[in-house]
C-alpha atoms as a PDB file:
ATOM      1  CA  MET A   1      75.443 -11.002 147.926  1.00  0.00           C
ATOM      2  CA  PRO A   2      73.307  -7.886 147.078  1.00  0.00           C
ATOM      3  CA  GLN A   3      76.449  -5.744 147.142  1.00  0.00           C
ATOM      4  CA  ALA A   4      78.178  -8.179 144.762  1.00  0.00           C
ATOM      5  CA  ILE A   5      75.212  -7.973 142.369  1.00  0.00           C
ATOM      6  CA  PHE A   6      75.309  -4.165 142.538  1.00  0.00           C
ATOM      7  CA  GLN A   7      79.049  -4.191 141.820  1.00  0.00           C
ATOM      8  CA  THR A   8      78.429  -6.554 138.913  1.00  0.00           C
ATOM      9  CA  ILE A   9      75.790  -4.284 137.381  1.00  0.00           C
ATOM     10  CA  LEU A  10      77.804  -1.100 138.015  1.00  0.00           C
ATOM     11  CA  PRO A  11      81.422  -2.268 138.092  1.00  0.00           C
ATOM     12  CA  VAL A  12      84.446  -0.304 139.155  1.00  0.00           C
ATOM     13  CA  PRO A  13      86.384   0.328 137.042  1.00  0.00           C
ATOM     14  CA  ILE A  14      84.093   0.817 134.065  1.00  0.00           C
ATOM     15  CA  ASP A  15      86.130  -0.522 131.187  1.00  0.00           C
ATOM     16  CA  ASN A  16      85.907  -2.460 127.952  1.00  0.00           C
ATOM     17  CA  THR A  17      86.207  -5.873 129.609  1.00  0.00           C
ATOM     18  CA  ILE A  18      83.569  -8.561 129.261  1.00  0.00           C
ATOM     19  CA  ARG A  19      83.492 -10.561 132.457  1.00  0.00           C
ATOM     20  CA  GLY A  20      81.637 -13.856 132.370  1.00  0.00           C
ATOM     21  CA  VAL A  21      80.102 -15.421 129.278  1.00  0.00           C
ATOM     22  CA  LYS A  22      80.002 -13.390 126.073  1.00  0.00           C
ATOM     23  CA  LEU A  23      76.509 -14.309 124.832  1.00  0.00           C
ATOM     24  CA  PRO A  24      74.794 -11.406 126.680  1.00  0.00           C
ATOM     25  CA  PHE A  25      77.230  -8.996 125.026  1.00  0.00           C
ATOM     26  CA  TYR A  26      76.506 -10.282 121.514  1.00  0.00           C
ATOM     27  CA  VAL A  27      72.745 -10.195 122.068  1.00  0.00           C
ATOM     28  CA  PHE A  28      73.068  -6.661 123.455  1.00  0.00           C
ATOM     29  CA  ALA A  29      75.113  -5.588 120.410  1.00  0.00           C
ATOM     30  CA  PHE A  30      72.264  -6.870 118.219  1.00  0.00           C
ATOM     31  CA  PHE A  31      69.753  -4.895 120.334  1.00  0.00           C
ATOM     32  CA  ALA A  32      71.906  -1.767 119.919  1.00  0.00           C
ATOM     33  CA  VAL A  33      71.879  -2.072 116.130  1.00  0.00           C
ATOM     34  CA  VAL A  34      68.116  -2.688 116.055  1.00  0.00           C
ATOM     35  CA  SER A  35      67.588   0.323 118.360  1.00  0.00           C
ATOM     36  CA  THR A  36      69.659   2.511 116.062  1.00  0.00           C
ATOM     37  CA  VAL A  37      67.701   1.468 112.963  1.00  0.00           C
ATOM     38  CA  ARG A  38      64.344   1.801 114.758  1.00  0.00           C
ATOM     39  CA  SER A  39      65.170   5.276 116.035  1.00  0.00           C
ATOM     40  CA  CYS A  40      66.302   6.465 112.603  1.00  0.00           C
ATOM     41  CA  ILE A  41      63.040   5.237 111.079  1.00  0.00           C
ATOM     42  CA  HIS A  42      60.966   7.171 113.633  1.00  0.00           C
ATOM     43  CA  LEU A  43      63.168  10.236 113.271  1.00  0.00           C
ATOM     44  CA  LEU A  44      63.624  10.331 109.487  1.00  0.00           C
ATOM     45  CA  SER A  45      60.544   8.668 107.957  1.00  0.00           C
ATOM     46  CA  PRO A  46      58.058  11.243 106.599  1.00  0.00           C
ATOM     47  CA  ASP A  47      55.290   9.869 108.829  1.00  0.00           C
ATOM     48  CA  GLY A  48      57.619   8.779 111.635  1.00  0.00           C
ATOM     49  CA  GLY A  49      56.491   5.224 110.941  1.00  0.00           C
ATOM     50  CA  ALA A  50      53.085   5.966 112.491  1.00  0.00           C
ATOM     51  CA  GLY A  51      51.103   5.129 109.379  1.00  0.00           C
ATOM     52  CA  SER A  52      53.542   3.189 107.222  1.00  0.00           C
ATOM     53  CA  ILE A  53      54.683   0.797 109.948  1.00  0.00           C
ATOM     54  CA  ALA A  54      52.282   1.047 112.908  1.00  0.00           C
ATOM     55  CA  GLY A  55      49.205   1.291 110.682  1.00  0.00           C
ATOM     56  CA  MET A  56      47.756   4.362 112.403  1.00  0.00           C
ATOM     57  CA  ASP A  57      45.097   6.320 110.530  1.00  0.00           C
ATOM     58  CA  LEU A  58      46.788   9.616 109.675  1.00  0.00           C
ATOM     59  CA  SER A  59      43.814  11.029 107.760  1.00  0.00           C
ATOM     60  CA  VAL A  60      42.322  12.350 110.999  1.00  0.00           C
ATOM     61  CA  ALA A  61      42.589  15.807 112.517  1.00  0.00           C
ATOM     62  CA  GLY A  62      45.736  16.051 114.599  1.00  0.00           C
ATOM     63  CA  ALA A  63      47.772  13.659 112.446  1.00  0.00           C
ATOM     64  CA  ASP A  64      50.595  16.204 112.336  1.00  0.00           C
ATOM     65  CA  GLY A  65      50.830  15.944 116.113  1.00  0.00           C
ATOM     66  CA  ILE A  66      51.047  12.159 115.892  1.00  0.00           C
ATOM     67  CA  ILE A  67      53.822  12.402 113.304  1.00  0.00           C
ATOM     68  CA  PHE A  68      55.605  15.001 115.451  1.00  0.00           C
ATOM     69  CA  ALA A  69      55.363  12.756 118.536  1.00  0.00           C
ATOM     70  CA  PHE A  70      56.791   9.798 116.585  1.00  0.00           C
ATOM     71  CA  GLY A  71      59.679  12.008 115.435  1.00  0.00           C
ATOM     72  CA  LEU A  72      60.357  13.113 119.013  1.00  0.00           C
ATOM     73  CA  TRP A  73      60.222   9.490 120.112  1.00  0.00           C
ATOM     74  CA  GLY A  74      62.790   8.667 117.431  1.00  0.00           C
ATOM     75  CA  SER A  75      65.112  11.401 118.693  1.00  0.00           C
ATOM     76  CA  SER A  76      65.010  10.090 122.268  1.00  0.00           C
ATOM     77  CA  GLN A  77      65.439   6.525 121.000  1.00  0.00           C
ATOM     78  CA  LEU A  78      68.488   7.666 119.029  1.00  0.00           C
ATOM     79  CA  LEU A  79      70.077   9.106 122.168  1.00  0.00           C
ATOM     80  CA  PHE A  80      69.530   5.779 123.957  1.00  0.00           C
ATOM     81  CA  ALA A  81      70.910   3.905 120.915  1.00  0.00           C
ATOM     82  CA  VAL A  82      74.067   6.053 120.951  1.00  0.00           C
ATOM     83  CA  ILE A  83      74.597   5.148 124.603  1.00  0.00           C
ATOM     84  CA  GLN A  84      74.019   1.475 123.743  1.00  0.00           C
ATOM     85  CA  LEU A  85      76.594   1.697 120.950  1.00  0.00           C
ATOM     86  CA  LEU A  86      79.088   3.377 123.308  1.00  0.00           C
ATOM     87  CA  VAL A  87      78.696   0.416 125.649  1.00  0.00           C
ATOM     88  CA  VAL A  88      79.183  -2.029 122.773  1.00  0.00           C
ATOM     89  CA  PHE A  89      82.348  -0.352 121.508  1.00  0.00           C
ATOM     90  CA  ARG A  90      83.914   1.232 124.587  1.00  0.00           C
ATOM     91  CA  TYR A  91      82.278   0.356 127.937  1.00  0.00           C
ATOM     92  CA  ARG A  92      81.448  -3.350 127.693  1.00  0.00           C
ATOM     93  CA  SER A  93      81.551  -3.831 131.451  1.00  0.00           C
ATOM     94  CA  LEU A  94      78.238  -1.919 131.561  1.00  0.00           C
ATOM     95  CA  VAL A  95      76.284  -4.493 129.542  1.00  0.00           C
ATOM     96  CA  SER A  96      74.468  -5.755 132.658  1.00  0.00           C
ATOM     97  CA  PHE A  97      73.464  -2.201 133.584  1.00  0.00           C
ATOM     98  CA  MET A  98      72.216  -1.570 130.057  1.00  0.00           C
ATOM     99  CA  TYR A  99      70.071  -4.702 130.199  1.00  0.00           C
ATOM    100  CA  LEU A 100      68.484  -3.270 133.331  1.00  0.00           C
ATOM    101  CA  MET A 101      67.825  -0.002 131.451  1.00  0.00           C
ATOM    102  CA  LEU A 102      66.414  -1.913 128.460  1.00  0.00           C
ATOM    103  CA  ILE A 103      64.066  -3.884 130.713  1.00  0.00           C
ATOM    104  CA  LEU A 104      62.864  -0.670 132.373  1.00  0.00           C
ATOM    105  CA  GLU A 105      62.372   1.004 128.989  1.00  0.00           C
ATOM    106  CA  VAL A 106      60.228  -1.873 127.703  1.00  0.00           C
ATOM    107  CA  LEU A 107      58.211  -1.982 130.943  1.00  0.00           C
ATOM    108  CA  LEU A 108      57.587   1.769 130.736  1.00  0.00           C
ATOM    109  CA  ARG A 109      56.463   1.453 127.092  1.00  0.00           C
ATOM    110  CA  GLU A 110      54.094  -1.336 128.155  1.00  0.00           C
ATOM    111  CA  LEU A 111      52.781   0.880 130.969  1.00  0.00           C
ATOM    112  CA  VAL A 112      52.154   3.778 128.569  1.00  0.00           C
ATOM    113  CA  GLY A 113      50.346   1.398 126.207  1.00  0.00           C
ATOM    114  CA  TYR A 114      48.151   0.284 129.103  1.00  0.00           C
ATOM    115  CA  LEU A 115      47.471   3.805 130.441  1.00  0.00           C
ATOM    116  CA  LYS A 116      47.012   5.440 127.034  1.00  0.00           C
ATOM    117  CA  PRO A 117      45.755   2.728 124.671  1.00  0.00           C
ATOM    118  CA  VAL A 118      45.756   3.361 120.935  1.00  0.00           C
ATOM    119  CA  THR A 119      43.905   1.449 118.239  1.00  0.00           C
ATOM    120  CA  PHE A 120      46.108   0.195 115.422  1.00  0.00           C
ATOM    121  CA  ALA A 121      45.091  -1.358 112.102  1.00  0.00           C
ATOM    122  CA  HIS A 122      47.497  -4.171 112.975  1.00  0.00           C
ATOM    123  CA  PRO A 123      49.890  -4.747 115.868  1.00  0.00           C
ATOM    124  CA  PRO A 124      52.980  -2.592 115.337  1.00  0.00           C
ATOM    125  CA  PRO A 125      56.362  -4.359 115.271  1.00  0.00           C
ATOM    126  CA  GLY A 126      57.323  -2.762 118.603  1.00  0.00           C
ATOM    127  CA  ALA A 127      54.362  -4.322 120.383  1.00  0.00           C
ATOM    128  CA  ILE A 128      55.308  -7.739 119.080  1.00  0.00           C
ATOM    129  CA  GLY A 129      58.993  -7.071 119.730  1.00  0.00           C
ATOM    130  CA  ASN A 130      58.314  -6.211 123.368  1.00  0.00           C
ATOM    131  CA  GLN A 131      56.949  -9.722 123.903  1.00  0.00           C
ATOM    132  CA  ILE A 132      60.293 -11.116 122.710  1.00  0.00           C
ATOM    133  CA  ILE A 133      62.694  -8.473 124.029  1.00  0.00           C
ATOM    134  CA  LEU A 134      61.445  -8.380 127.619  1.00  0.00           C
ATOM    135  CA  PRO A 135      61.925 -12.054 128.548  1.00  0.00           C
ATOM    136  CA  LEU A 136      65.128 -12.258 126.498  1.00  0.00           C
ATOM    137  CA  ALA A 137      66.565  -9.153 128.198  1.00  0.00           C
ATOM    138  CA  VAL A 138      65.640 -10.512 131.647  1.00  0.00           C
ATOM    139  CA  PHE A 139      67.336 -13.820 130.818  1.00  0.00           C
ATOM    140  CA  MET A 140      70.434 -12.045 129.445  1.00  0.00           C
ATOM    141  CA  LEU A 141      70.618  -9.828 132.542  1.00  0.00           C
ATOM    142  CA  VAL A 142      70.466 -12.844 134.843  1.00  0.00           C
ATOM    143  CA  LEU A 143      73.037 -14.717 132.741  1.00  0.00           C
ATOM    144  CA  SER A 144      75.313 -11.694 132.606  1.00  0.00           C
ATOM    145  CA  VAL A 145      75.142 -10.995 136.347  1.00  0.00           C
ATOM    146  CA  TRP A 146      75.482 -14.653 137.308  1.00  0.00           C
ATOM    147  CA  SER A 147      78.425 -15.384 134.999  1.00  0.00           C
ATOM    148  CA  THR A 148      80.213 -12.144 135.905  1.00  0.00           C
ATOM    149  CA  TYR A 149      79.704 -12.773 139.611  1.00  0.00           C
ATOM    150  CA  LYS A 150      81.025 -16.309 139.183  1.00  0.00           C
ATOM    151  CA  ALA A 151      84.049 -15.122 137.137  1.00  0.00           C
ATOM    152  CA  ASN A 152      84.865 -12.460 139.751  1.00  0.00           C
ATOM    153  CA  ARG A 153      84.507 -14.981 142.600  1.00  0.00           C
ATOM    154  CA  ASP A 154      86.739 -17.511 140.833  1.00  0.00           C
ATOM    155  CA  ALA A 155      89.364 -14.804 140.191  1.00  0.00           C
ATOM    156  CA  ARG A 156      89.360 -13.823 143.887  1.00  0.00           C
ATOM    157  CA  GLU A 157      89.671 -17.445 145.002  1.00  0.00           C
ATOM    158  CA  SER A 158      92.609 -18.107 142.678  1.00  0.00           C
ATOM    159  CA  GLN A 159      94.631 -15.230 144.131  1.00  0.00           C
END
């Protein structure tokens, strides 16, 4: 069973086939679009979204460093979003794997927030989004793996 789960998350061949139910794919496609928009905001907004969206006080010394860090964050988010979009348009069999990566990314962001807390004027959208994305991504990963495993098992049994 663990080997079957591993083969479901990292299938061979990696192709554009959706195995199992399609709901996890559509939810992932939505995540990919949101990730692309979010990364462009952090990368291209004059303040990186630090003040205008997250409500950080940028009138303090070192605000340029905060803006720079948000811009760097946007560039790394954009790279991840490009990979997500590649999966949506070309490598759909990797949706389960990308849910695993999304879950790890959110958990790491939560860890950074715990280890290096920052005071915001109001909760930033990402902090609220994490509370929605994490359980939804876990559910979609389980649904994706379970339905793909079941579809693969049924295909083997019908041969």
